[in-house]
Protein backbone atom coordinates (compact mmCIF):
# COMPACT_ATOMS: atom_id res chain seq x y z
CA UNK A 1 -26.35 -3.96 -2.75
CA UNK A 2 -27.28 -4.36 -6.46
CA UNK A 3 -28.78 -1.56 -8.30
CA UNK A 4 -32.57 -2.06 -8.30
CA UNK A 5 -33.70 0.71 -10.74
CA UNK A 6 -32.03 2.06 -13.83
CA UNK A 7 -31.96 5.60 -12.32
CA UNK A 8 -30.31 5.00 -8.89
CA UNK A 9 -31.50 6.83 -5.84
CA UNK A 10 -27.89 7.74 -5.36
CA UNK A 11 -28.12 10.47 -7.96
CA UNK A 12 -31.62 11.12 -9.32
CA UNK A 13 -34.38 11.65 -6.73
CA UNK A 14 -37.89 10.25 -7.14
CA UNK A 15 -39.23 13.51 -8.59
CA UNK A 16 -42.96 14.23 -8.64
CA UNK A 17 -44.81 16.98 -10.37
CA UNK A 18 -46.60 19.63 -8.44
CA UNK A 19 -46.41 22.96 -6.71
CA UNK A 20 -46.32 24.21 -3.19
CA UNK A 21 -50.08 24.05 -2.90
CA UNK A 22 -49.84 22.10 0.35
CA UNK A 23 -47.83 24.81 2.13
CA UNK A 24 -50.70 26.93 3.21
CA UNK A 25 -52.43 23.94 4.70
CA UNK A 26 -49.37 22.95 6.64
CA UNK A 27 -48.52 26.49 7.74
CA UNK A 28 -51.22 26.88 10.34
CA UNK A 29 -49.76 24.37 12.74
CA UNK A 30 -46.15 24.23 11.39
CA UNK A 31 -44.89 27.63 12.51
CA UNK A 32 -45.96 27.22 16.14
CA UNK A 33 -44.52 23.72 16.23
CA UNK A 34 -41.14 25.15 15.15
CA UNK A 35 -41.25 27.79 17.95
CA UNK A 36 -42.23 25.14 20.57
CA UNK A 37 -39.32 22.86 19.61
CA UNK A 38 -36.71 25.40 20.59
CA UNK A 39 -33.44 23.50 20.92
CA UNK A 40 -35.20 20.40 22.09
CA UNK A 41 -35.48 18.96 18.59
CA UNK A 42 -34.02 19.68 15.14
CA UNK A 43 -36.45 18.35 12.57
CA UNK A 44 -34.88 17.47 9.18
CA UNK A 45 -36.78 16.25 6.08
CA UNK A 46 -35.23 13.81 3.62
CA UNK A 47 -36.90 12.57 0.42
CA UNK A 48 -36.21 8.94 1.07
CA UNK A 49 -35.47 6.21 3.59
CA UNK A 50 -32.18 4.48 2.83
CA UNK A 51 -33.16 1.50 4.97
CA UNK A 52 -29.50 0.75 5.89
CA UNK A 53 -27.73 2.63 8.68
CA UNK A 54 -24.40 0.85 8.73
CA UNK A 55 -21.86 3.55 7.91
CA UNK A 56 -19.53 0.99 6.28
CA UNK A 57 -22.19 -0.31 3.97
CA UNK A 58 -24.36 1.91 1.77
CA UNK A 59 -23.19 4.89 -0.32
CA UNK A 60 -26.59 6.63 -0.30
CA UNK A 61 -26.69 10.27 0.69
CA UNK A 62 -29.24 9.88 3.42
CA UNK A 63 -27.22 7.08 5.06
CA UNK A 64 -24.04 9.05 4.85
CA UNK A 65 -25.73 12.13 6.30
CA UNK A 66 -26.92 10.19 9.31
CA UNK A 67 -23.46 8.57 9.65
CA UNK A 68 -21.98 12.06 9.66
CA UNK A 69 -23.90 12.75 12.93
CA UNK A 70 -23.16 9.41 14.75
CA UNK A 71 -19.58 8.62 13.66
CA UNK A 72 -16.25 10.39 13.51
CA UNK A 73 -13.40 9.90 11.01
CA UNK A 74 -9.65 9.94 11.36
CA UNK A 75 -9.46 13.24 9.46
CA UNK A 76 -11.91 15.76 7.98
CA UNK A 77 -11.94 17.93 4.96
CA UNK A 78 -12.55 21.66 5.07
CA UNK A 79 -15.51 22.42 2.90
CA UNK A 80 -14.17 25.81 1.91
CA UNK A 81 -10.46 25.00 1.07
CA UNK A 82 -10.62 21.30 0.58
CA UNK A 83 -7.70 20.88 2.96
CA UNK A 84 -7.39 17.65 5.10
CA UNK A 85 -7.72 18.80 8.75
CA UNK A 86 -7.32 16.94 12.13
CA UNK A 87 -10.26 15.04 13.70
CA UNK A 88 -9.74 11.83 15.63
CA UNK A 89 -6.12 12.06 14.56
CA UNK A 90 -4.33 15.13 15.85
CA UNK A 91 -1.63 14.82 13.15
CA UNK A 92 -0.30 12.30 10.66
CA UNK A 93 2.68 11.49 8.47
CA UNK A 94 2.76 9.86 5.00
CA UNK A 95 5.77 7.83 4.00
CA UNK A 96 7.84 8.96 1.04
CA UNK A 97 6.34 6.24 -1.13
CA UNK A 98 2.87 7.07 -0.15
CA UNK A 99 2.05 3.55 1.09
CA UNK A 100 2.29 4.00 4.94
CA UNK A 101 0.01 6.47 6.81
CA UNK A 102 0.88 7.09 10.49
CA UNK A 103 -1.92 8.71 12.54
CA UNK A 104 -1.35 10.08 16.01
CA UNK A 105 -4.73 9.83 17.71
CA UNK A 106 -6.47 11.83 20.39
CA UNK A 107 -6.43 10.18 23.75
CA UNK A 108 -9.70 11.57 25.06
CA UNK A 109 -12.27 10.00 22.66
CA UNK A 110 -14.89 7.48 23.67
CA UNK A 111 -17.61 5.68 21.78
CA UNK A 112 -21.18 6.22 23.06
CA UNK A 113 -21.06 2.93 24.96
CA UNK A 114 -18.11 4.29 27.08
CA UNK A 115 -15.32 2.28 25.47
CA UNK A 116 -12.16 4.12 24.49
CA UNK A 117 -11.16 4.85 20.88
CA UNK A 118 -7.63 3.62 20.28
CA UNK A 119 -5.35 2.46 17.58
CA UNK A 120 -6.90 -0.94 17.86
CA UNK A 121 -10.29 0.60 17.03
CA UNK A 122 -8.77 1.83 13.69
CA UNK A 123 -7.36 -1.58 12.96
CA UNK A 124 -10.67 -3.39 13.79
CA UNK A 125 -12.74 -0.97 11.69
CA UNK A 126 -10.57 -1.28 8.58
CA UNK A 127 -10.26 -4.97 8.96
CA UNK A 128 -14.09 -5.29 9.22
CA UNK A 129 -14.58 -3.21 6.08
CA UNK A 130 -12.33 -5.71 4.21
CA UNK A 131 -14.25 -8.65 5.60
CA UNK A 132 -17.57 -7.15 4.44
CA UNK A 133 -16.48 -7.45 0.92
CA UNK A 134 -19.18 -6.54 -1.55
CA UNK A 135 -21.36 -5.24 1.20
CA UNK A 136 -18.85 -2.34 1.54
CA UNK A 137 -17.81 -1.87 -2.06
CA UNK A 138 -17.16 1.80 -1.50
CA UNK A 139 -15.03 0.97 1.57
CA UNK A 140 -13.21 -1.74 -0.54
CA UNK A 141 -12.34 0.93 -3.10
CA UNK A 142 -11.04 3.34 -0.45
CA UNK A 143 -8.90 0.58 1.06
CA UNK A 144 -7.74 -0.95 -2.20
CA UNK A 145 -4.28 -2.55 -1.60
CA UNK A 146 -4.78 -2.50 2.23
CA UNK A 147 -2.42 -4.86 4.01
CA UNK A 148 -2.76 -4.18 7.67
CA UNK A 149 -2.99 -1.50 10.40
CA UNK A 150 -0.12 -1.58 12.85
CA UNK A 151 -0.66 -0.51 16.50
CA UNK A 152 2.74 0.30 18.00
CA UNK A 153 0.88 1.97 21.01
CA UNK A 154 -2.66 2.81 21.97
CA UNK A 155 -2.68 6.18 20.22
CA UNK A 156 -0.59 5.48 17.16
CA UNK A 157 -2.11 3.70 14.08
CA UNK A 158 -0.04 2.95 11.02
CA UNK A 159 -2.13 2.02 8.03
CA UNK A 160 -0.15 0.10 5.37
CA UNK A 161 -0.89 -0.46 1.71
CA UNK A 162 0.80 -2.54 -0.90
CA UNK A 163 1.73 0.59 -2.94
CA UNK A 164 1.18 4.25 -3.26
CA UNK A 165 -2.38 5.31 -2.28
CA UNK A 166 -2.86 8.98 -3.14
CA UNK A 167 -6.56 9.01 -2.47
CA UNK A 168 -6.47 7.45 1.03
CA UNK A 169 -6.28 10.64 3.13
CA UNK A 170 -9.31 12.07 1.52
CA UNK A 171 -11.12 8.79 1.69
CA UNK A 172 -10.42 8.80 5.44
CA UNK A 173 -12.63 11.89 5.73
CA UNK A 174 -15.70 9.99 4.39
CA UNK A 175 -18.32 8.21 6.51
CA UNK A 176 -17.60 4.95 4.84
CA UNK A 177 -14.41 4.82 6.87
CA UNK A 178 -16.01 6.08 10.02
CA UNK A 179 -15.07 4.61 13.34
CA UNK A 180 -17.53 2.24 15.06
CA UNK A 181 -17.26 0.62 18.53
CA UNK A 182 -16.12 -3.03 18.90
CA UNK A 183 -19.57 -3.87 20.12
CA UNK A 184 -20.94 -2.89 16.71
CA UNK A 185 -18.10 -4.42 14.62
CA UNK A 186 -18.87 -7.82 16.18
CA UNK A 187 -22.56 -7.81 15.15
CA UNK A 188 -24.24 -9.37 12.18
CA UNK A 189 -24.15 -6.75 9.38
CA UNK A 190 -27.90 -7.10 8.99
CA UNK A 191 -28.41 -6.03 12.60
CA UNK A 192 -26.09 -3.01 12.14
CA UNK A 193 -27.95 -2.04 9.00
CA UNK A 194 -31.16 -1.92 11.04
CA UNK A 195 -29.60 0.77 13.31
CA UNK A 196 -27.73 -1.26 15.94
CA UNK A 197 -24.71 0.96 15.58
CA UNK A 198 -22.43 2.66 18.10
CA UNK A 199 -20.19 5.36 17.04
CA UNK A 200 -18.12 8.25 18.61
CA UNK A 201 -19.96 11.13 17.03
CA UNK A 202 -21.93 14.02 18.61
CA UNK A 203 -25.20 12.12 18.29
CA UNK A 204 -26.30 8.59 19.32
CA UNK A 205 -28.60 6.41 17.00
CA UNK A 206 -31.75 6.12 19.19
CA UNK A 207 -34.63 4.88 17.13
CA UNK A 208 -35.56 3.92 13.55
CA UNK A 209 -39.15 3.52 12.22
CA UNK A 210 -38.98 2.22 8.65
CA UNK A 211 -40.47 4.75 6.17
CA UNK A 212 -40.97 7.31 8.99
CA UNK A 213 -37.99 8.63 10.76
CA UNK A 214 -34.68 8.15 12.45
CA UNK A 215 -34.12 9.71 15.94
CA UNK A 216 -30.75 10.78 17.12
CA UNK A 217 -29.88 11.91 20.70
CA UNK A 218 -27.13 14.28 21.72
CA UNK A 219 -23.98 13.09 23.53
CA UNK A 220 -23.55 15.44 26.48
CA UNK A 221 -19.87 14.51 26.87
CA UNK A 222 -18.83 15.09 23.26
CA UNK A 223 -15.80 17.41 23.00
CA UNK A 224 -13.64 16.45 20.00
CA UNK A 225 -15.30 17.98 16.93
CA UNK A 226 -12.92 18.36 13.91
CA UNK A 227 -11.01 21.34 12.90
CA UNK A 228 -13.52 21.85 10.04
CA UNK A 229 -16.46 22.42 12.48
CA UNK A 230 -17.37 25.62 14.30
CA UNK A 231 -18.66 23.58 17.32
CA UNK A 232 -16.29 21.13 18.81
CA UNK A 233 -18.39 20.42 21.83
CA UNK A 234 -21.88 18.95 22.36
CA UNK A 235 -24.58 19.66 19.72
CA UNK A 236 -26.91 22.52 20.47
CA UNK A 237 -30.08 20.52 19.79
CA UNK A 238 -30.86 17.65 22.11
CA UNK A 239 -32.36 15.46 19.35
CA UNK A 240 -32.44 15.30 15.63
CA UNK A 241 -35.47 13.73 14.00
CA UNK A 242 -34.78 12.80 10.41
CA UNK A 243 -38.19 12.44 8.68
CA UNK A 244 -38.71 10.66 5.40
CA UNK A 245 -41.04 12.64 3.10
CA UNK A 246 -40.88 11.08 -0.43
CA UNK A 247 -43.26 13.41 -2.17
CA UNK A 248 -41.18 16.48 -3.24
CA UNK A 249 -44.09 18.87 -2.98
CA UNK A 250 -44.85 17.75 0.58
CA UNK A 251 -41.20 17.93 1.57
CA UNK A 252 -40.95 21.52 0.28
CA UNK A 253 -44.25 22.31 2.00
CA UNK A 254 -42.94 20.92 5.34
CA UNK A 255 -39.91 23.21 5.40
CA UNK A 256 -41.91 26.27 4.21
CA UNK A 257 -44.58 25.77 6.89
CA UNK A 258 -42.11 25.06 9.65
CA UNK A 259 -43.00 21.45 10.20
CA UNK A 260 -39.37 20.66 9.60
CA UNK A 261 -36.51 23.02 10.35
CA UNK A 262 -34.42 21.85 7.35
CA UNK A 263 -35.36 20.11 4.09
CA UNK A 264 -32.54 18.74 2.02
CA UNK A 265 -32.17 17.11 -1.39
CA UNK A 266 -34.99 19.30 -2.61
CA UNK A 267 -36.45 18.71 -6.02
CA UNK A 268 -35.86 21.30 -8.76
CA UNK A 269 -39.67 21.48 -9.32
CA UNK A 270 -40.21 22.96 -5.82
CA UNK A 271 -37.34 25.57 -5.83
CA UNK A 272 -39.39 28.49 -7.17
CA UNK A 273 -41.72 28.25 -4.16
CA UNK A 274 -38.79 27.75 -1.78
CA UNK A 275 -37.06 30.84 -3.17
CA UNK A 276 -40.26 32.92 -2.65
CA UNK A 277 -40.44 31.89 1.00
CA UNK A 278 -38.62 33.44 3.95
CA UNK A 279 -35.96 30.62 4.23
CA UNK A 280 -32.26 30.09 4.12
CA UNK A 281 -31.41 28.44 0.79
CA UNK A 282 -28.14 26.68 0.12
CA UNK A 283 -27.45 25.62 -3.40
CA UNK A 284 -24.06 24.08 -3.57
CA UNK A 285 -22.41 22.54 -6.66
CA UNK A 286 -22.14 18.81 -6.12
CA UNK A 287 -18.81 17.11 -5.97
CA UNK A 288 -18.20 13.75 -7.58
CA UNK A 289 -19.57 12.21 -10.78
CA UNK A 290 -21.52 14.44 -13.11
CA UNK A 291 -25.07 13.10 -13.50
CA UNK A 292 -24.65 10.64 -16.38
CA UNK A 293 -26.39 7.97 -18.46
CA UNK A 294 -23.95 5.07 -18.80
CA UNK A 295 -24.22 2.47 -21.60
CA UNK A 296 -24.23 -1.26 -20.82
CA UNK A 297 -21.46 -2.26 -23.12
CA UNK A 298 -22.58 -5.88 -22.99
CA UNK A 299 -25.87 -4.90 -24.81
CA UNK A 300 -25.63 -5.31 -28.60
CA UNK A 301 -26.50 -1.77 -29.42
CA UNK A 302 -23.63 -0.34 -27.39
CA UNK A 303 -20.89 -2.72 -28.43
CA UNK A 304 -20.42 -0.32 -31.29
CA UNK A 305 -18.16 2.67 -30.43
CA UNK A 306 -19.61 4.74 -33.18
CA UNK A 307 -23.06 4.43 -31.65
CA UNK A 308 -21.77 5.37 -28.25
CA UNK A 309 -19.91 8.42 -29.53
CA UNK A 310 -22.94 9.55 -31.47
CA UNK A 311 -24.98 9.85 -28.26
CA UNK A 312 -22.74 12.51 -26.71
CA UNK A 313 -22.83 14.52 -29.91
CA UNK A 314 -26.57 14.27 -30.18
CA UNK A 315 -27.11 15.50 -26.59
CA UNK A 316 -27.77 19.13 -25.93
CA UNK A 317 -26.72 19.48 -22.24
CA UNK A 318 -27.42 23.20 -22.08
CA UNK A 319 -31.01 22.73 -23.06
CA UNK A 320 -31.31 20.10 -20.35
CA UNK A 321 -29.92 22.53 -17.73
CA UNK A 322 -32.07 25.34 -18.87
CA UNK A 323 -35.42 23.64 -19.50
CA UNK A 324 -35.51 20.73 -17.01
CA UNK A 325 -33.31 22.11 -14.18
CA UNK A 326 -34.44 25.70 -14.81
CA UNK A 327 -30.97 27.03 -14.19
CA UNK A 328 -30.45 24.97 -11.01
CA UNK A 329 -27.77 22.95 -12.62
CA UNK A 330 -24.98 23.42 -15.18
CA UNK A 331 -24.29 21.60 -18.30
CA UNK A 332 -21.69 18.83 -17.64
CA UNK A 333 -18.17 19.75 -19.01
CA UNK A 334 -16.52 16.34 -18.06
CA UNK A 335 -17.15 13.18 -16.14
CA UNK A 336 -16.48 14.96 -12.82
CA UNK A 337 -18.46 18.05 -11.85
CA UNK A 338 -16.53 21.24 -12.19
CA UNK A 339 -16.48 21.66 -8.41
CA UNK A 340 -14.72 18.40 -7.88
CA UNK A 341 -10.89 18.37 -7.33
CA UNK A 342 -9.29 16.76 -10.37
CA UNK A 343 -12.06 17.98 -12.76
CA UNK A 344 -11.20 18.88 -16.38
CA UNK A 345 -12.96 20.96 -18.89
CA UNK A 346 -13.59 18.48 -21.76
CA UNK A 347 -16.37 20.50 -23.35
CA UNK A 348 -14.74 19.78 -26.75
CA UNK A 349 -15.84 16.14 -26.36
CA UNK A 350 -19.28 17.09 -25.23
CA UNK A 351 -20.26 19.65 -27.77
CA UNK A 352 -23.73 19.39 -29.18
CA UNK A 353 -23.06 18.45 -32.78
CA UNK A 354 -25.91 16.66 -34.63
CA UNK A 355 -23.82 16.56 -37.81
CA UNK A 356 -21.04 14.64 -36.11
CA UNK A 357 -23.63 12.29 -34.47
CA UNK A 358 -25.14 11.52 -37.93
CA UNK A 359 -21.58 10.92 -39.34
CA UNK A 360 -20.77 8.49 -36.54
CA UNK A 361 -24.02 6.57 -37.08
CA UNK A 362 -23.63 6.34 -40.91
CA UNK A 363 -20.04 5.25 -40.48
CA UNK A 364 -21.27 2.10 -38.69
CA UNK A 365 -24.01 1.46 -41.19
CA UNK A 366 -27.15 3.18 -39.91
CA UNK A 367 -27.82 4.95 -43.23
CA UNK A 368 -31.48 4.06 -43.96
CA UNK A 369 -34.07 6.43 -42.55
CA UNK A 370 -37.73 5.54 -42.46
CA UNK A 371 -40.72 7.83 -42.80
CA UNK A 372 -40.77 8.73 -39.11
CA UNK A 373 -37.08 9.80 -39.22
CA UNK A 374 -35.61 6.76 -37.44
CA UNK A 375 -32.50 5.10 -38.66
CA UNK A 376 -32.05 1.40 -39.66
CA UNK A 377 -28.97 -0.52 -40.50
CA UNK A 378 -28.19 -0.70 -44.23
CA UNK A 379 -27.45 -4.46 -44.18
CA UNK A 380 -29.72 -5.95 -41.58
CA UNK A 381 -32.55 -3.51 -41.52
CA UNK A 382 -32.18 -3.49 -37.71
CA UNK A 383 -33.71 -0.32 -36.21
CA UNK A 384 -31.53 2.02 -34.22
CA UNK A 385 -33.32 1.66 -30.84
CA UNK A 386 -32.09 2.27 -27.36
CA UNK A 387 -34.25 0.85 -24.56
CA UNK A 388 -34.49 2.47 -21.12
CA UNK A 389 -36.66 1.15 -18.34
CA UNK A 390 -37.15 3.52 -15.31
CA UNK A 391 -39.31 4.32 -12.35
CA UNK A 392 -41.02 7.62 -11.77
CA UNK A 393 -43.69 8.25 -14.36
CA UNK A 394 -44.93 11.81 -14.53
CA UNK A 395 -41.80 13.19 -12.82
CA UNK A 396 -39.13 15.71 -13.54
CA UNK A 397 -36.82 12.77 -14.23
CA UNK A 398 -39.17 11.63 -16.89
CA UNK A 399 -39.25 15.05 -18.40
CA UNK A 400 -35.49 14.95 -18.78
CA UNK A 401 -35.66 11.59 -20.48
CA UNK A 402 -38.39 12.82 -22.80
CA UNK A 403 -36.24 15.76 -23.79
CA UNK A 404 -33.40 13.45 -24.57
CA UNK A 405 -35.89 11.35 -26.57
CA UNK A 406 -36.61 14.41 -28.71
CA UNK A 407 -32.95 15.39 -29.10
CA UNK A 408 -31.85 11.99 -30.11
CA UNK A 409 -34.71 11.56 -32.65
CA UNK A 410 -33.28 14.50 -34.60
CA UNK A 411 -30.35 12.30 -35.60
CA UNK A 412 -32.48 9.22 -36.16
CA UNK A 413 -32.20 7.42 -32.74
CA UNK A 414 -35.32 6.00 -31.28
CA UNK A 415 -35.09 6.24 -27.48
CA UNK A 416 -37.66 3.71 -26.19
CA UNK A 417 -38.76 4.87 -22.74
CA UNK A 418 -40.42 2.19 -20.73
CA UNK A 419 -41.74 3.15 -17.28
CA UNK A 420 -41.85 0.37 -14.71
CA UNK A 421 -42.52 -0.14 -11.03
CA UNK A 422 -39.72 -0.73 -8.64
CA UNK A 423 -40.95 -4.28 -8.07
CA UNK A 424 -40.80 -5.03 -11.80
CA UNK A 425 -37.21 -3.87 -11.96
CA UNK A 426 -36.07 -5.30 -8.60
CA UNK A 427 -34.65 -8.54 -9.97
CA UNK A 428 -32.12 -6.87 -12.26
CA UNK A 429 -28.60 -5.71 -11.55
CA UNK A 430 -26.11 -3.62 -13.47
CA UNK A 431 -24.90 -6.73 -15.22
CA UNK A 432 -28.05 -8.48 -16.44
CA UNK A 433 -30.49 -5.72 -17.36
CA UNK A 434 -32.91 -6.17 -20.25
CA UNK A 435 -32.42 -2.48 -21.13
CA UNK A 436 -29.45 -0.62 -22.63
CA UNK A 437 -28.23 2.00 -20.24
CA UNK A 438 -28.48 3.32 -16.69
CA UNK A 439 -27.03 5.82 -14.33
CA UNK A 440 -25.02 5.57 -11.09
CA UNK A 441 -23.57 8.85 -9.90
CA UNK A 442 -21.50 9.04 -6.78
CA UNK A 443 -20.47 11.95 -4.61
CA UNK A 444 -16.95 12.44 -3.40
CA UNK A 445 -14.53 15.38 -3.27
CA UNK A 446 -11.70 13.43 -5.01
CA UNK A 447 -11.09 12.34 -8.57
CA UNK A 448 -10.67 8.73 -7.51
CA UNK A 449 -14.48 8.50 -7.52
CA UNK A 450 -13.93 7.84 -11.23
CA UNK A 451 -12.20 4.48 -10.39
CA UNK A 452 -15.21 3.31 -8.40
CA UNK A 453 -17.84 3.96 -11.04
CA UNK A 454 -16.00 3.49 -14.36
CA UNK A 455 -13.62 0.61 -13.67
CA UNK A 456 -14.21 -3.11 -13.64
CA UNK A 457 -13.06 -3.60 -10.08
CA UNK A 458 -16.06 -3.57 -7.79
CA UNK A 459 -19.19 -5.75 -8.10
CA UNK A 460 -22.46 -3.80 -7.64
CA UNK A 461 -20.69 -0.52 -8.12
CA UNK A 462 -18.42 -0.53 -11.17
CA UNK A 463 -20.28 -0.41 -14.42
CA UNK A 464 -17.67 -2.50 -16.36
CA UNK A 465 -17.40 -5.28 -13.73
CA UNK A 466 -17.22 -8.50 -15.69
CA UNK A 467 -16.47 -6.54 -18.94
CA UNK A 468 -13.05 -5.00 -18.25
CA UNK A 469 -11.65 -2.32 -20.53
CA UNK A 470 -7.87 -2.72 -19.92
CA UNK A 471 -6.76 0.73 -20.95
CA UNK A 472 -9.51 2.31 -18.80
CA UNK A 473 -8.69 0.21 -15.72
CA UNK A 474 -4.97 1.15 -16.13
CA UNK A 475 -5.70 4.82 -16.44
CA UNK A 476 -8.02 4.80 -13.40
CA UNK A 477 -5.45 3.01 -11.26
CA UNK A 478 -3.09 5.91 -11.77
CA UNK A 479 -5.52 8.07 -9.70
CA UNK A 480 -4.59 5.86 -6.72
CA UNK A 481 -0.92 5.40 -7.38
CA UNK A 482 0.10 8.89 -8.57
CA UNK A 483 1.09 10.97 -5.62
CA UNK A 484 2.43 14.14 -7.26
CA UNK A 485 -0.55 16.61 -7.40
CA UNK A 486 0.12 17.94 -10.97
CA UNK A 487 0.70 14.48 -12.33
CA UNK A 488 -2.47 13.24 -10.60
CA UNK A 489 -4.50 16.13 -12.14
CA UNK A 490 -3.18 15.04 -15.59
CA UNK A 491 -4.05 11.44 -14.80
CA UNK A 492 -7.57 12.52 -13.97
CA UNK A 493 -8.00 14.36 -17.22
CA UNK A 494 -6.32 11.54 -19.22
CA UNK A 495 -8.80 8.98 -17.69
CA UNK A 496 -11.84 11.16 -18.45
CA UNK A 497 -10.74 11.89 -21.99
CA UNK A 498 -10.18 8.05 -22.62
CA UNK A 499 -13.67 7.32 -21.32
CA UNK A 500 -15.32 10.12 -23.39
CA UNK A 501 -13.26 9.23 -26.54
CA UNK A 502 -14.70 5.68 -26.19
CA UNK A 503 -18.21 6.83 -25.58
CA UNK A 504 -18.37 4.89 -22.26
CA UNK A 505 -20.43 7.59 -20.53
CA UNK A 506 -22.90 10.32 -21.41
CA UNK A 507 -22.56 13.01 -18.62
CA UNK A 508 -25.48 15.31 -18.65
CA UNK A 509 -25.41 17.98 -15.92
CA UNK A 510 -23.63 19.16 -12.72
CA UNK A 511 -26.45 19.19 -10.29
CA UNK A 512 -26.65 21.35 -7.14
CA UNK A 513 -27.50 20.09 -3.63
CA UNK A 514 -30.42 22.26 -2.64
CA UNK A 515 -31.19 22.64 1.06
CA UNK A 516 -33.57 25.03 2.74
CA UNK A 517 -33.84 25.93 6.44
CA UNK A 518 -36.03 27.93 8.78
CA UNK A 519 -34.97 31.51 9.55
CA UNK A 520 -35.04 30.44 13.26
CA UNK A 521 -31.61 28.85 12.46
CA UNK A 522 -28.45 30.84 11.71
CA UNK A 523 -27.78 28.99 8.58
CA UNK A 524 -27.11 25.55 6.93
CA UNK A 525 -23.73 24.10 7.85
CA UNK A 526 -22.56 21.45 5.35
CA UNK A 527 -19.43 19.21 5.05
CA UNK A 528 -17.15 18.97 2.11
CA UNK A 529 -19.59 16.67 0.37
CA UNK A 530 -22.59 18.86 1.00
CA UNK A 531 -24.09 16.75 3.86
CA UNK A 532 -25.67 18.47 6.85
CA UNK A 533 -23.50 18.80 10.02
CA UNK A 534 -26.21 18.82 12.68
CA UNK A 535 -23.84 19.60 15.50
CA UNK A 536 -23.09 22.99 13.94
CA UNK A 537 -26.71 23.98 13.56
CA UNK A 538 -27.63 26.87 15.88
CA UNK A 539 -30.64 29.03 16.74
CA UNK A 540 -30.62 32.61 15.45
CA UNK A 541 -30.80 35.49 17.85
């Protein structure tokens, strides 16, 4: 779906100022509720409702987390080693050229409607993702070059591409390529988005109340958990209630008090109170795109490479990490977070250097400085102004933007911040915005995530769709076609360096995924992309 706000919910939460003042109020009833739940229900708090529960469609973290519980994938990724491990496929082979993937499937898997999972299921799922087109733009990127799935027998699926596809095995671990029953595949995508979805996972999608919760129910006959999971059988909790708690303080208070067992995607403003409470706290470095601002190169101000390059030099990322994230993030060192396979330390291109920023701006004609310290073009008198419209006034996000405003003013750039409501921004997409830059981070434990965000290939997802940069597209395609690991690592670094040299992205920080859980649980099991694995959650003692 099109981006509706400049700071997408995929990467920056709707932060709100506040403290844990609500926690004492909630605590009186919350703790006893947690005890009474036992293993009957696992209550999980999320900061938002994704409003789309088709695993093949949205790339939002909440949707993908729910999909993790109700669907299985051909293979899985070990969160500790990054290795690809068996799941629905017991084993697999990749052809010498990297274009044919043969999966030998388990013969004991069923969907929750009782139908068998077979090689035809693989074919039907991948064919459906292709048919969805722009509704499954992440799936389309994972299956780029897909030709067909051959089914020589019921438990052998051969996935064929038109050329080498180095990223496909890792892509096959993600929920976007999760397996759904034929009964779901044949439905209108709108109905599936509303929760009419049947998978083969350890939980069944039972109920959805918009803006309130999703209810999942355990499959008693489940017995095919992946090799990356500690529990391969039925989940320990009978139900999972995923509650949507958009206010960060209320979400933190809910987990502190015991109203929910687990709170995830916690806001940095609430972490001091979380750390002071008697809770498990997991802070795991995110994998995927570093949290960026990305210029719209079709906007006049950013058609000039000197202006784009000046932004990175004018940005003090360490100050953002220290002051805004309070040490709960690290300054970005590249376009991929440092925890992502294929990352590269490109700090030399992201060094805070106001003098270099001024030189870039003056080289393109912004030499006149007014009494307020802002630059104007020496020929036209045009002010050097960058416009940003955003939602979330009075939030941590706004504090970060205001810090950038101050940093950029020191080199003469006016950063015009214009808060708006979601309704006011709902008509704009990535390609017709009346402002100059945006953000669109994406999580994935593979460098090919760069191709999705920074190429021109995918409508509604790729920032340069409709405005292709030939050398960038060519560099990013190598992430898919290069099968040698060392050469692929170099291809990732080359692509990132090309994008940063051209000033096509302004990476800011590598954010952590912060999740807190009640001490009544043994811990917080996460997958390779830091999403909760509810089937592995267990009571302590």
